[in-house]
Amino acid sequence: MFYLSVTQEIFADFFKWEIQFSAKGFGTEIVTFPVAAAGKIQFADNRIECRMESFWTRIEADLLLEGKTLVCLNREKEISISVVCRDNHRNRKYNNLKELFPVAKDGFRLNPESGKDSAYLELRCFF
């Protein structure tokens, strides 16, 4: 008896995520940290306590949504930002049109009282 097994695998395109860190404030030298998993983020300055959380993905027909949250602790106060990336282009996987993909981002000053000299963190996602 001949047995033919057909397996269909579905692959979703996922976004690239990174944290951009400027130790001397917005607009200064940037260090980029790729985000691969939830949990604590290690910076060179051990006084900075940040973590990634709330990873989620939703796929509906031709729409892909993905979100993540960056939470940092500053003097007993939590500061957080959430970024949601979306993609609804049917042929984006192959990028036949050589499109430039937009970046979704949000950021904050770690210590707003320091003004422009405060460390600045930005959570970004892109295709």
PDB file of N, CA and C in Angstrom:
ATOM      1  N   MET A   1       0.839  -1.172   0.000  1.00  0.00           N
ATOM      2  CA  MET A   1       0.000   0.000   0.000  1.00  0.00           C
ATOM      3  C   MET A   1       0.891   1.245   0.000  1.00  0.00           C
ATOM      4  N   PHE A   2       0.567   2.157  -0.847  1.00  0.00           N
ATOM      5  CA  PHE A   2       1.333   3.387  -0.991  1.00  0.00           C
ATOM      6  C   PHE A   2       0.704   4.474  -0.129  1.00  0.00           C
ATOM      7  N   TYR A   3       1.513   5.116   0.712  1.00  0.00           N
ATOM      8  CA  TYR A   3       1.012   6.142   1.618  1.00  0.00           C
ATOM      9  C   TYR A   3       1.697   7.466   1.291  1.00  0.00           C
ATOM     10  N   LEU A   4       0.895   8.466   1.003  1.00  0.00           N
ATOM     11  CA  LEU A   4       1.429   9.789   0.686  1.00  0.00           C
ATOM     12  C   LEU A   4       0.984  10.755   1.768  1.00  0.00           C
ATOM     13  N   SER A   5       1.935  11.353   2.383  1.00  0.00           N
ATOM     14  CA  SER A   5       1.627  12.310   3.442  1.00  0.00           C
ATOM     15  C   SER A   5       1.951  13.713   2.960  1.00  0.00           C
ATOM     16  N   VAL A   6       0.988  14.562   3.038  1.00  0.00           N
ATOM     17  CA  VAL A   6       1.191  15.954   2.641  1.00  0.00           C
ATOM     18  C   VAL A   6       1.108  16.805   3.894  1.00  0.00           C
ATOM     19  N   THR A   7       2.176  17.457   4.171  1.00  0.00           N
ATOM     20  CA  THR A   7       2.224  18.316   5.341  1.00  0.00           C
ATOM     21  C   THR A   7       2.334  19.757   4.886  1.00  0.00           C
ATOM     22  N   GLN A   8       1.456  20.558   5.399  1.00  0.00           N
ATOM     23  CA  GLN A   8       1.526  21.984   5.090  1.00  0.00           C
ATOM     24  C   GLN A   8       2.063  22.715   6.304  1.00  0.00           C
ATOM     25  N   GLU A   9       3.091  23.468   6.085  1.00  0.00           N
ATOM     26  CA  GLU A   9       3.633  24.283   7.153  1.00  0.00           C
ATOM     27  C   GLU A   9       3.321  25.730   6.840  1.00  0.00           C
ATOM     28  N   ILE A  10       2.926  26.468   7.855  1.00  0.00           N
ATOM     29  CA  ILE A  10       2.618  27.873   7.675  1.00  0.00           C
ATOM     30  C   ILE A  10       3.687  28.675   8.397  1.00  0.00           C
ATOM     31  N   PHE A  11       4.308  29.565   7.661  1.00  0.00           N
ATOM     32  CA  PHE A  11       5.337  30.413   8.236  1.00  0.00           C
ATOM     33  C   PHE A  11       4.854  31.853   8.254  1.00  0.00           C
ATOM     34  N   ALA A  12       4.946  32.494   9.374  1.00  0.00           N
ATOM     35  CA  ALA A  12       4.581  33.906   9.467  1.00  0.00           C
ATOM     36  C   ALA A  12       5.859  34.722   9.417  1.00  0.00           C
ATOM     37  N   ASP A  13       5.783  35.861   8.786  1.00  0.00           N
ATOM     38  CA  ASP A  13       6.905  36.791   8.803  1.00  0.00           C
ATOM     39  C   ASP A  13       6.848  37.557  10.114  1.00  0.00           C
ATOM     40  N   PHE A  14       7.941  37.603  10.825  1.00  0.00           N
ATOM     41  CA  PHE A  14       7.984  38.342  12.075  1.00  0.00           C
ATOM     42  C   PHE A  14       8.932  39.515  11.931  1.00  0.00           C
ATOM     43  N   PHE A  15       8.736  40.493  12.761  1.00  0.00           N
ATOM     44  CA  PHE A  15       9.501  41.733  12.708  1.00  0.00           C
ATOM     45  C   PHE A  15      10.824  41.604  13.448  1.00  0.00           C
ATOM     46  N   LYS A  16      11.722  42.501  13.156  1.00  0.00           N
ATOM     47  CA  LYS A  16      12.984  42.611  13.892  1.00  0.00           C
ATOM     48  C   LYS A  16      12.771  43.680  14.963  1.00  0.00           C
ATOM     49  N   TRP A  17      13.234  43.411  16.159  1.00  0.00           N
ATOM     50  CA  TRP A  17      13.069  44.323  17.286  1.00  0.00           C
ATOM     51  C   TRP A  17      14.432  44.687  17.849  1.00  0.00           C
ATOM     52  N   GLU A  18      14.561  45.937  18.294  1.00  0.00           N
ATOM     53  CA  GLU A  18      15.814  46.370  18.906  1.00  0.00           C
ATOM     54  C   GLU A  18      15.551  47.520  19.867  1.00  0.00           C
ATOM     55  N   ILE A  19      16.476  47.674  20.797  1.00  0.00           N
ATOM     56  CA  ILE A  19      16.472  48.819  21.706  1.00  0.00           C
ATOM     57  C   ILE A  19      17.671  49.664  21.333  1.00  0.00           C
ATOM     58  N   GLN A  20      17.438  50.950  21.146  1.00  0.00           N
ATOM     59  CA  GLN A  20      18.539  51.882  20.910  1.00  0.00           C
ATOM     60  C   GLN A  20      18.736  52.672  22.194  1.00  0.00           C
ATOM     61  N   PHE A  21      19.980  52.692  22.670  1.00  0.00           N
ATOM     62  CA  PHE A  21      20.309  53.316  23.949  1.00  0.00           C
ATOM     63  C   PHE A  21      21.337  54.419  23.736  1.00  0.00           C
ATOM     64  N   SER A  22      21.008  55.614  24.212  1.00  0.00           N
ATOM     65  CA  SER A  22      21.933  56.763  24.167  1.00  0.00           C
ATOM     66  C   SER A  22      22.229  57.162  25.601  1.00  0.00           C
ATOM     67  N   ALA A  23      23.397  56.818  26.098  1.00  0.00           N
ATOM     68  CA  ALA A  23      23.743  57.052  27.495  1.00  0.00           C
ATOM     69  C   ALA A  23      23.824  58.541  27.839  1.00  0.00           C
ATOM     70  N   LYS A  24      24.218  59.369  26.874  1.00  0.00           N
ATOM     71  CA  LYS A  24      24.404  60.800  27.149  1.00  0.00           C
ATOM     72  C   LYS A  24      23.236  61.655  26.684  1.00  0.00           C
ATOM     73  N   GLY A  25      22.125  61.038  26.335  1.00  0.00           N
ATOM     74  CA  GLY A  25      20.932  61.788  25.958  1.00  0.00           C
ATOM     75  C   GLY A  25      20.559  61.616  24.502  1.00  0.00           C
ATOM     76  N   PHE A  26      19.347  62.064  24.170  1.00  0.00           N
ATOM     77  CA  PHE A  26      18.815  61.951  22.823  1.00  0.00           C
ATOM     78  C   PHE A  26      19.724  62.659  21.820  1.00  0.00           C
ATOM     79  N   GLY A  27      20.007  61.987  20.710  1.00  0.00           N
ATOM     80  CA  GLY A  27      20.824  62.588  19.663  1.00  0.00           C
ATOM     81  C   GLY A  27      22.312  62.355  19.819  1.00  0.00           C
ATOM     82  N   THR A  28      22.717  61.648  20.857  1.00  0.00           N
ATOM     83  CA  THR A  28      24.147  61.358  21.045  1.00  0.00           C
ATOM     84  C   THR A  28      24.427  59.933  20.561  1.00  0.00           C
ATOM     85  N   GLU A  29      25.625  59.461  20.806  1.00  0.00           N
ATOM     86  CA  GLU A  29      26.044  58.129  20.353  1.00  0.00           C
ATOM     87  C   GLU A  29      25.043  57.052  20.772  1.00  0.00           C
ATOM     88  N   ILE A  30      24.703  56.170  19.834  1.00  0.00           N
ATOM     89  CA  ILE A  30      23.684  55.146  20.052  1.00  0.00           C
ATOM     90  C   ILE A  30      24.328  53.757  20.090  1.00  0.00           C
ATOM     91  N   VAL A  31      23.877  52.946  21.047  1.00  0.00           N
ATOM     92  CA  VAL A  31      24.244  51.538  21.114  1.00  0.00           C
ATOM     93  C   VAL A  31      22.954  50.758  20.872  1.00  0.00           C
ATOM     94  N   THR A  32      23.005  49.770  19.977  1.00  0.00           N
ATOM     95  CA  THR A  32      21.816  49.015  19.619  1.00  0.00           C
ATOM     96  C   THR A  32      21.878  47.614  20.216  1.00  0.00           C
ATOM     97  N   PHE A  33      20.777  47.216  20.854  1.00  0.00           N
ATOM     98  CA  PHE A  33      20.646  45.891  21.448  1.00  0.00           C
ATOM     99  C   PHE A  33      19.503  45.168  20.750  1.00  0.00           C
ATOM    100  N   PRO A  34      19.752  44.039  20.098  1.00  0.00           N
ATOM    101  CA  PRO A  34      18.642  43.284  19.501  1.00  0.00           C
ATOM    102  C   PRO A  34      17.784  42.659  20.599  1.00  0.00           C
ATOM    103  N   VAL A  35      16.489  42.577  20.363  1.00  0.00           N
ATOM    104  CA  VAL A  35      15.570  41.964  21.319  1.00  0.00           C
ATOM    105  C   VAL A  35      15.200  40.586  20.783  1.00  0.00           C
ATOM    106  N   ALA A  36      15.533  39.571  21.542  1.00  0.00           N
ATOM    107  CA  ALA A  36      15.256  38.210  21.099  1.00  0.00           C
ATOM    108  C   ALA A  36      14.240  37.504  21.996  1.00  0.00           C
ATOM    109  N   ALA A  37      14.200  37.881  23.271  1.00  0.00           N
ATOM    110  CA  ALA A  37      13.319  37.183  24.203  1.00  0.00           C
ATOM    111  C   ALA A  37      12.894  38.118  25.325  1.00  0.00           C
ATOM    112  N   ALA A  38      11.844  37.718  26.003  1.00  0.00           N
ATOM    113  CA  ALA A  38      11.397  38.481  27.162  1.00  0.00           C
ATOM    114  C   ALA A  38      12.422  38.322  28.285  1.00  0.00           C
ATOM    115  N   GLY A  39      12.465  39.296  29.162  1.00  0.00           N
ATOM    116  CA  GLY A  39      13.367  39.208  30.302  1.00  0.00           C
ATOM    117  C   GLY A  39      14.232  40.442  30.438  1.00  0.00           C
ATOM    118  N   LYS A  40      15.198  40.342  31.312  1.00  0.00           N
ATOM    119  CA  LYS A  40      16.061  41.470  31.659  1.00  0.00           C
ATOM    120  C   LYS A  40      16.986  41.844  30.508  1.00  0.00           C
ATOM    121  N   ILE A  41      17.203  43.134  30.336  1.00  0.00           N
ATOM    122  CA  ILE A  41      18.133  43.657  29.332  1.00  0.00           C
ATOM    123  C   ILE A  41      19.404  44.089  30.063  1.00  0.00           C
ATOM    124  N   GLN A  42      20.554  43.630  29.600  1.00  0.00           N
ATOM    125  CA  GLN A  42      21.833  43.962  30.239  1.00  0.00           C
ATOM    126  C   GLN A  42      22.478  45.163  29.533  1.00  0.00           C
ATOM    127  N   PHE A  43      22.645  46.248  30.260  1.00  0.00           N
ATOM    128  CA  PHE A  43      23.357  47.421  29.765  1.00  0.00           C
ATOM    129  C   PHE A  43      24.726  47.468  30.432  1.00  0.00           C
ATOM    130  N   ALA A  44      25.649  48.239  29.852  1.00  0.00           N
ATOM    131  CA  ALA A  44      26.983  48.378  30.441  1.00  0.00           C
ATOM    132  C   ALA A  44      26.879  49.011  31.832  1.00  0.00           C
ATOM    133  N   ASP A  45      25.956  49.941  32.007  1.00  0.00           N
ATOM    134  CA  ASP A  45      25.725  50.583  33.299  1.00  0.00           C
ATOM    135  C   ASP A  45      24.749  49.709  34.085  1.00  0.00           C
ATOM    136  N   ASN A  46      25.253  49.029  35.114  1.00  0.00           N
ATOM    137  CA  ASN A  46      24.432  48.097  35.880  1.00  0.00           C
ATOM    138  C   ASN A  46      23.346  48.779  36.699  1.00  0.00           C
ATOM    139  N   ARG A  47      23.389  50.116  36.796  1.00  0.00           N
ATOM    140  CA  ARG A  47      22.351  50.826  37.541  1.00  0.00           C
ATOM    141  C   ARG A  47      21.048  50.915  36.750  1.00  0.00           C
ATOM    142  N   ILE A  48      21.108  50.666  35.463  1.00  0.00           N
ATOM    143  CA  ILE A  48      19.921  50.731  34.626  1.00  0.00           C
ATOM    144  C   ILE A  48      19.246  49.365  34.624  1.00  0.00           C
ATOM    145  N   GLU A  49      18.013  49.324  35.119  1.00  0.00           N
ATOM    146  CA  GLU A  49      17.262  48.076  35.208  1.00  0.00           C
ATOM    147  C   GLU A  49      16.088  48.127  34.237  1.00  0.00           C
ATOM    148  N   CYS A  50      16.164  47.332  33.179  1.00  0.00           N
ATOM    149  CA  CYS A  50      15.093  47.272  32.189  1.00  0.00           C
ATOM    150  C   CYS A  50      14.789  45.815  31.851  1.00  0.00           C
ATOM    151  N   ARG A  51      13.558  45.608  31.403  1.00  0.00           N
ATOM    152  CA  ARG A  51      13.155  44.271  30.978  1.00  0.00           C
ATOM    153  C   ARG A  51      12.167  44.397  29.825  1.00  0.00           C
ATOM    154  N   MET A  52      12.104  43.343  29.028  1.00  0.00           N
ATOM    155  CA  MET A  52      11.142  43.245  27.944  1.00  0.00           C
ATOM    156  C   MET A  52      10.036  42.309  28.399  1.00  0.00           C
ATOM    157  N   GLU A  53       8.789  42.689  28.095  1.00  0.00           N
ATOM    158  CA  GLU A  53       7.667  41.842  28.484  1.00  0.00           C
ATOM    159  C   GLU A  53       6.508  42.031  27.511  1.00  0.00           C
ATOM    160  N   SER A  54       5.444  41.323  27.771  1.00  0.00           N
ATOM    161  CA  SER A  54       4.208  41.402  26.977  1.00  0.00           C
ATOM    162  C   SER A  54       4.452  41.137  25.495  1.00  0.00           C
ATOM    163  N   PHE A  55       5.126  40.055  25.167  1.00  0.00           N
ATOM    164  CA  PHE A  55       5.329  39.667  23.770  1.00  0.00           C
ATOM    165  C   PHE A  55       4.024  39.047  23.276  1.00  0.00           C
ATOM    166  N   TRP A  56       3.521  39.515  22.166  1.00  0.00           N
ATOM    167  CA  TRP A  56       2.338  38.903  21.582  1.00  0.00           C
ATOM    168  C   TRP A  56       2.352  39.052  20.069  1.00  0.00           C
ATOM    169  N   THR A  57       1.695  38.115  19.408  1.00  0.00           N
ATOM    170  CA  THR A  57       1.575  38.120  17.947  1.00  0.00           C
ATOM    171  C   THR A  57       0.156  37.702  17.601  1.00  0.00           C
ATOM    172  N   ARG A  58      -0.411  38.361  16.613  1.00  0.00           N
ATOM    173  CA  ARG A  58      -1.739  37.997  16.134  1.00  0.00           C
ATOM    174  C   ARG A  58      -1.728  38.005  14.612  1.00  0.00           C
ATOM    175  N   ILE A  59      -2.206  36.930  14.023  1.00  0.00           N
ATOM    176  CA  ILE A  59      -2.259  36.819  12.571  1.00  0.00           C
ATOM    177  C   ILE A  59      -3.719  36.640  12.174  1.00  0.00           C
ATOM    178  N   GLU A  60      -4.194  37.542  11.332  1.00  0.00           N
ATOM    179  CA  GLU A  60      -5.572  37.475  10.846  1.00  0.00           C
ATOM    180  C   GLU A  60      -5.550  37.679   9.340  1.00  0.00           C
ATOM    181  N   ALA A  61      -5.911  36.662   8.592  1.00  0.00           N
ATOM    182  CA  ALA A  61      -5.923  36.727   7.122  1.00  0.00           C
ATOM    183  C   ALA A  61      -4.593  37.279   6.630  1.00  0.00           C
ATOM    184  N   ASP A  62      -4.579  38.467   6.052  1.00  0.00           N
ATOM    185  CA  ASP A  62      -3.346  39.066   5.533  1.00  0.00           C
ATOM    186  C   ASP A  62      -2.748  40.092   6.480  1.00  0.00           C
ATOM    187  N   LEU A  63      -3.147  40.083   7.728  1.00  0.00           N
ATOM    188  CA  LEU A  63      -2.670  41.074   8.686  1.00  0.00           C
ATOM    189  C   LEU A  63      -1.842  40.402   9.773  1.00  0.00           C
ATOM    190  N   LEU A  64      -0.644  40.916   9.979  1.00  0.00           N
ATOM    191  CA  LEU A  64       0.237  40.439  11.047  1.00  0.00           C
ATOM    192  C   LEU A  64       0.427  41.575  12.029  1.00  0.00           C
ATOM    193  N   LEU A  65       0.132  41.327  13.283  1.00  0.00           N
ATOM    194  CA  LEU A  65       0.338  42.296  14.348  1.00  0.00           C
ATOM    195  C   LEU A  65       1.281  41.689  15.376  1.00  0.00           C
ATOM    196  N   GLU A  66       2.201  42.502  15.877  1.00  0.00           N
ATOM    197  CA  GLU A  66       3.146  42.010  16.878  1.00  0.00           C
ATOM    198  C   GLU A  66       3.445  43.157  17.831  1.00  0.00           C
ATOM    199  N   GLY A  67       3.489  42.877  19.121  1.00  0.00           N
ATOM    200  CA  GLY A  67       3.737  43.919  20.109  1.00  0.00           C
ATOM    201  C   GLY A  67       4.691  43.471  21.193  1.00  0.00           C
ATOM    202  N   LYS A  68       5.383  44.451  21.773  1.00  0.00           N
ATOM    203  CA  LYS A  68       6.312  44.212  22.876  1.00  0.00           C
ATOM    204  C   LYS A  68       6.306  45.448  23.776  1.00  0.00           C
ATOM    205  N   THR A  69       6.691  45.269  25.024  1.00  0.00           N
ATOM    206  CA  THR A  69       6.737  46.359  25.987  1.00  0.00           C
ATOM    207  C   THR A  69       8.117  46.408  26.638  1.00  0.00           C
ATOM    208  N   LEU A  70       8.676  47.611  26.729  1.00  0.00           N
ATOM    209  CA  LEU A  70       9.943  47.855  27.427  1.00  0.00           C
ATOM    210  C   LEU A  70       9.611  48.552  28.741  1.00  0.00           C
ATOM    211  N   VAL A  71      10.069  47.972  29.848  1.00  0.00           N
ATOM    212  CA  VAL A  71       9.813  48.521  31.178  1.00  0.00           C
ATOM    213  C   VAL A  71      11.155  48.781  31.847  1.00  0.00           C
ATOM    214  N   CYS A  72      11.346  50.014  32.345  1.00  0.00           N
ATOM    215  CA  CYS A  72      12.578  50.357  33.055  1.00  0.00           C
ATOM    216  C   CYS A  72      12.230  50.911  34.431  1.00  0.00           C
ATOM    217  N   LEU A  73      13.098  50.657  35.376  1.00  0.00           N
ATOM    218  CA  LEU A  73      12.922  51.128  36.743  1.00  0.00           C
ATOM    219  C   LEU A  73      13.848  52.308  36.976  1.00  0.00           C
ATOM    220  N   ASN A  74      13.279  53.418  37.469  1.00  0.00           N
ATOM    221  CA  ASN A  74      14.064  54.610  37.759  1.00  0.00           C
ATOM    222  C   ASN A  74      13.660  55.124  39.133  1.00  0.00           C
ATOM    223  N   ARG A  75      14.522  54.911  40.103  1.00  0.00           N
ATOM    224  CA  ARG A  75      14.262  55.363  41.468  1.00  0.00           C
ATOM    225  C   ARG A  75      12.894  54.912  41.969  1.00  0.00           C
ATOM    226  N   GLU A  76      12.665  53.621  41.954  1.00  0.00           N
ATOM    227  CA  GLU A  76      11.432  53.017  42.446  1.00  0.00           C
ATOM    228  C   GLU A  76      10.207  53.310  41.572  1.00  0.00           C
ATOM    229  N   LYS A  77      10.371  53.990  40.455  1.00  0.00           N
ATOM    230  CA  LYS A  77       9.257  54.310  39.567  1.00  0.00           C
ATOM    231  C   LYS A  77       9.462  53.586  38.242  1.00  0.00           C
ATOM    232  N   GLU A  78       8.414  52.899  37.780  1.00  0.00           N
ATOM    233  CA  GLU A  78       8.499  52.199  36.499  1.00  0.00           C
ATOM    234  C   GLU A  78       8.072  53.111  35.361  1.00  0.00           C
ATOM    235  N   ILE A  79       8.859  53.074  34.290  1.00  0.00           N
ATOM    236  CA  ILE A  79       8.536  53.782  33.057  1.00  0.00           C
ATOM    237  C   ILE A  79       8.404  52.698  31.995  1.00  0.00           C
ATOM    238  N   SER A  80       7.344  52.752  31.202  1.00  0.00           N
ATOM    239  CA  SER A  80       7.183  51.720  30.180  1.00  0.00           C
ATOM    240  C   SER A  80       6.643  52.305  28.884  1.00  0.00           C
ATOM    241  N   ILE A  81       6.989  51.643  27.793  1.00  0.00           N
ATOM    242  CA  ILE A  81       6.443  51.969  26.480  1.00  0.00           C
ATOM    243  C   ILE A  81       6.096  50.661  25.777  1.00  0.00           C
ATOM    244  N   SER A  82       5.050  50.705  24.989  1.00  0.00           N
ATOM    245  CA  SER A  82       4.653  49.556  24.189  1.00  0.00           C
ATOM    246  C   SER A  82       4.651  49.970  22.733  1.00  0.00           C
ATOM    247  N   VAL A  83       5.137  49.081  21.890  1.00  0.00           N
ATOM    248  CA  VAL A  83       5.173  49.339  20.450  1.00  0.00           C
ATOM    249  C   VAL A  83       4.469  48.186  19.755  1.00  0.00           C
ATOM    250  N   VAL A  84       3.649  48.530  18.775  1.00  0.00           N
ATOM    251  CA  VAL A  84       2.937  47.523  17.980  1.00  0.00           C
ATOM    252  C   VAL A  84       3.365  47.691  16.529  1.00  0.00           C
ATOM    253  N   CYS A  85       3.801  46.616  15.925  1.00  0.00           N
ATOM    254  CA  CYS A  85       4.133  46.608  14.495  1.00  0.00           C
ATOM    255  C   CYS A  85       3.009  45.926  13.754  1.00  0.00           C
ATOM    256  N   ARG A  86       2.746  46.407  12.557  1.00  0.00           N
ATOM    257  CA  ARG A  86       1.700  45.789  11.745  1.00  0.00           C
ATOM    258  C   ARG A  86       2.168  45.679  10.310  1.00  0.00           C
ATOM    259  N   ASP A  87       1.685  44.635   9.671  1.00  0.00           N
ATOM    260  CA  ASP A  87       1.991  44.421   8.270  1.00  0.00           C
ATOM    261  C   ASP A  87       0.763  43.811   7.610  1.00  0.00           C
ATOM    262  N   ASN A  88       0.307  44.409   6.528  1.00  0.00           N
ATOM    263  CA  ASN A  88      -0.845  43.846   5.840  1.00  0.00           C
ATOM    264  C   ASN A  88      -0.635  43.783   4.333  1.00  0.00           C
ATOM    265  N   HIS A  89       0.607  43.662   3.924  1.00  0.00           N
ATOM    266  CA  HIS A  89       0.909  43.562   2.503  1.00  0.00           C
ATOM    267  C   HIS A  89       1.062  42.094   2.144  1.00  0.00           C
ATOM    268  N   ARG A  90       0.231  41.611   1.255  1.00  0.00           N
ATOM    269  CA  ARG A  90       0.156  40.198   0.909  1.00  0.00           C
ATOM    270  C   ARG A  90       1.483  39.645   0.376  1.00  0.00           C
ATOM    271  N   ASN A  91       2.243  40.428  -0.381  1.00  0.00           N
ATOM    272  CA  ASN A  91       3.474  39.927  -0.994  1.00  0.00           C
ATOM    273  C   ASN A  91       4.739  40.392  -0.275  1.00  0.00           C
ATOM    274  N   ARG A  92       4.601  40.893   0.906  1.00  0.00           N
ATOM    275  CA  ARG A  92       5.748  41.440   1.613  1.00  0.00           C
ATOM    276  C   ARG A  92       6.827  40.397   1.860  1.00  0.00           C
ATOM    277  N   LYS A  93       6.448  39.161   2.041  1.00  0.00           N
ATOM    278  CA  LYS A  93       7.424  38.102   2.335  1.00  0.00           C
ATOM    279  C   LYS A  93       8.528  38.077   1.287  1.00  0.00           C
ATOM    280  N   TYR A  94       8.183  38.331   0.056  1.00  0.00           N
ATOM    281  CA  TYR A  94       9.161  38.261  -1.015  1.00  0.00           C
ATOM    282  C   TYR A  94       9.687  39.629  -1.420  1.00  0.00           C
ATOM    283  N   ASN A  95       9.034  40.689  -1.004  1.00  0.00           N
ATOM    284  CA  ASN A  95       9.434  42.066  -1.285  1.00  0.00           C
ATOM    285  C   ASN A  95       9.758  42.262  -2.767  1.00  0.00           C
ATOM    286  N   ASN A  96       8.857  41.818  -3.606  1.00  0.00           N
ATOM    287  CA  ASN A  96       9.055  41.942  -5.050  1.00  0.00           C
ATOM    288  C   ASN A  96       9.160  43.378  -5.519  1.00  0.00           C
ATOM    289  N   LEU A  97       8.551  44.292  -4.806  1.00  0.00           N
ATOM    290  CA  LEU A  97       8.547  45.694  -5.228  1.00  0.00           C
ATOM    291  C   LEU A  97       9.693  46.485  -4.611  1.00  0.00           C
ATOM    292  N   LYS A  98      10.560  45.847  -3.862  1.00  0.00           N
ATOM    293  CA  LYS A  98      11.717  46.473  -3.198  1.00  0.00           C
ATOM    294  C   LYS A  98      11.286  47.675  -2.364  1.00  0.00           C
ATOM    295  N   GLU A  99      10.219  47.473  -1.609  1.00  0.00           N
ATOM    296  CA  GLU A  99       9.697  48.548  -0.770  1.00  0.00           C
ATOM    297  C   GLU A  99      10.638  48.842   0.391  1.00  0.00           C
ATOM    298  N   LEU A 100      10.633  50.069   0.817  1.00  0.00           N
ATOM    299  CA  LEU A 100      11.282  50.431   2.066  1.00  0.00           C
ATOM    300  C   LEU A 100      10.220  50.313   3.145  1.00  0.00           C
ATOM    301  N   PHE A 101      10.500  49.584   4.182  1.00  0.00           N
ATOM    302  CA  PHE A 101       9.500  49.341   5.195  1.00  0.00           C
ATOM    303  C   PHE A 101       9.610  50.376   6.313  1.00  0.00           C
ATOM    304  N   PRO A 102       8.477  50.847   6.805  1.00  0.00           N
ATOM    305  CA  PRO A 102       8.503  51.846   7.875  1.00  0.00           C
ATOM    306  C   PRO A 102       8.960  51.239   9.198  1.00  0.00           C
ATOM    307  N   VAL A 103       9.437  52.096  10.070  1.00  0.00           N
ATOM    308  CA  VAL A 103       9.876  51.704  11.398  1.00  0.00           C
ATOM    309  C   VAL A 103       8.838  52.200  12.392  1.00  0.00           C
ATOM    310  N   ALA A 104       8.405  51.343  13.291  1.00  0.00           N
ATOM    311  CA  ALA A 104       7.540  51.761  14.392  1.00  0.00           C
ATOM    312  C   ALA A 104       8.447  51.921  15.606  1.00  0.00           C
ATOM    313  N   LYS A 105       8.320  53.039  16.312  1.00  0.00           N
ATOM    314  CA  LYS A 105       9.220  53.263  17.442  1.00  0.00           C
ATOM    315  C   LYS A 105       8.580  54.184  18.476  1.00  0.00           C
ATOM    316  N   ASP A 106       9.094  54.090  19.687  1.00  0.00           N
ATOM    317  CA  ASP A 106       8.717  54.991  20.764  1.00  0.00           C
ATOM    318  C   ASP A 106       9.864  54.980  21.755  1.00  0.00           C
ATOM    319  N   GLY A 107      10.077  56.090  22.425  1.00  0.00           N
ATOM    320  CA  GLY A 107      11.196  56.173  23.353  1.00  0.00           C
ATOM    321  C   GLY A 107      10.887  57.051  24.544  1.00  0.00           C
ATOM    322  N   PHE A 108      11.816  57.079  25.489  1.00  0.00           N
ATOM    323  CA  PHE A 108      11.662  57.913  26.678  1.00  0.00           C
ATOM    324  C   PHE A 108      13.017  58.225  27.289  1.00  0.00           C
ATOM    325  N   ARG A 109      13.042  59.316  28.065  1.00  0.00           N
ATOM    326  CA  ARG A 109      14.231  59.655  28.856  1.00  0.00           C
ATOM    327  C   ARG A 109      14.137  58.863  30.149  1.00  0.00           C
ATOM    328  N   LEU A 110      15.224  58.215  30.521  1.00  0.00           N
ATOM    329  CA  LEU A 110      15.229  57.384  31.717  1.00  0.00           C
ATOM    330  C   LEU A 110      15.062  58.230  32.977  1.00  0.00           C
ATOM    331  N   ASN A 111      15.665  59.410  32.990  1.00  0.00           N
ATOM    332  CA  ASN A 111      15.583  60.306  34.139  1.00  0.00           C
ATOM    333  C   ASN A 111      15.158  61.690  33.629  1.00  0.00           C
ATOM    334  N   PRO A 112      13.860  61.929  33.452  1.00  0.00           N
ATOM    335  CA  PRO A 112      13.396  63.184  32.849  1.00  0.00           C
ATOM    336  C   PRO A 112      13.852  64.442  33.594  1.00  0.00           C
ATOM    337  N   GLU A 113      14.114  64.321  34.881  1.00  0.00           N
ATOM    338  CA  GLU A 113      14.556  65.482  35.654  1.00  0.00           C
ATOM    339  C   GLU A 113      15.920  66.000  35.194  1.00  0.00           C
ATOM    340  N   SER A 114      16.714  65.150  34.573  1.00  0.00           N
ATOM    341  CA  SER A 114      18.044  65.542  34.094  1.00  0.00           C
ATOM    342  C   SER A 114      17.989  66.292  32.766  1.00  0.00           C
ATOM    343  N   GLY A 115      16.811  66.370  32.181  1.00  0.00           N
ATOM    344  CA  GLY A 115      16.659  67.083  30.915  1.00  0.00           C
ATOM    345  C   GLY A 115      17.375  66.389  29.772  1.00  0.00           C
ATOM    346  N   LYS A 116      18.047  67.191  28.947  1.00  0.00           N
ATOM    347  CA  LYS A 116      18.689  66.650  27.737  1.00  0.00           C
ATOM    348  C   LYS A 116      19.843  65.698  28.031  1.00  0.00           C
ATOM    349  N   ASP A 117      20.379  65.695  29.244  1.00  0.00           N
ATOM    350  CA  ASP A 117      21.498  64.823  29.590  1.00  0.00           C
ATOM    351  C   ASP A 117      21.060  63.435  30.078  1.00  0.00           C
ATOM    352  N   SER A 118      19.761  63.218  30.165  1.00  0.00           N
ATOM    353  CA  SER A 118      19.258  61.934  30.624  1.00  0.00           C
ATOM    354  C   SER A 118      19.484  60.859  29.567  1.00  0.00           C
ATOM    355  N   ALA A 119      19.783  59.651  30.025  1.00  0.00           N
ATOM    356  CA  ALA A 119      19.897  58.513  29.099  1.00  0.00           C
ATOM    357  C   ALA A 119      18.566  58.350  28.376  1.00  0.00           C
ATOM    358  N   TYR A 120      18.644  58.018  27.085  1.00  0.00           N
ATOM    359  CA  TYR A 120      17.443  57.894  26.267  1.00  0.00           C
ATOM    360  C   TYR A 120      17.363  56.477  25.714  1.00  0.00           C
ATOM    361  N   LEU A 121      16.186  55.857  25.838  1.00  0.00           N
ATOM    362  CA  LEU A 121      15.952  54.517  25.316  1.00  0.00           C
ATOM    363  C   LEU A 121      14.820  54.558  24.306  1.00  0.00           C
ATOM    364  N   GLU A 122      14.989  53.790  23.240  1.00  0.00           N
ATOM    365  CA  GLU A 122      13.969  53.738  22.198  1.00  0.00           C
ATOM    366  C   GLU A 122      13.754  52.284  21.801  1.00  0.00           C
ATOM    367  N   LEU A 123      12.494  51.863  21.777  1.00  0.00           N
ATOM    368  CA  LEU A 123      12.123  50.529  21.329  1.00  0.00           C
ATOM    369  C   LEU A 123      11.655  50.658  19.892  1.00  0.00           C
ATOM    370  N   ARG A 124      12.232  49.862  18.989  1.00  0.00           N
ATOM    371  CA  ARG A 124      11.921  49.946  17.559  1.00  0.00           C
ATOM    372  C   ARG A 124      11.623  48.574  16.992  1.00  0.00           C
ATOM    373  N   CYS A 125      10.767  48.564  15.990  1.00  0.00           N
ATOM    374  CA  CYS A 125      10.567  47.343  15.231  1.00  0.00           C
ATOM    375  C   CYS A 125      10.517  47.703  13.757  1.00  0.00           C
ATOM    376  N   PHE A 126      10.962  46.782  12.941  1.00  0.00           N
ATOM    377  CA  PHE A 126      10.986  47.016  11.506  1.00  0.00           C
ATOM    378  C   PHE A 126      10.949  45.666  10.814  1.00  0.00           C
ATOM    379  N   PHE A 127      10.711  45.694   9.531  1.00  0.00           N
ATOM    380  CA  PHE A 127      10.582  44.486   8.756  1.00  0.00           C
ATOM    381  C   PHE A 127      11.918  44.080   8.207  1.00  0.00           C
TER     382      PHE A 127
END
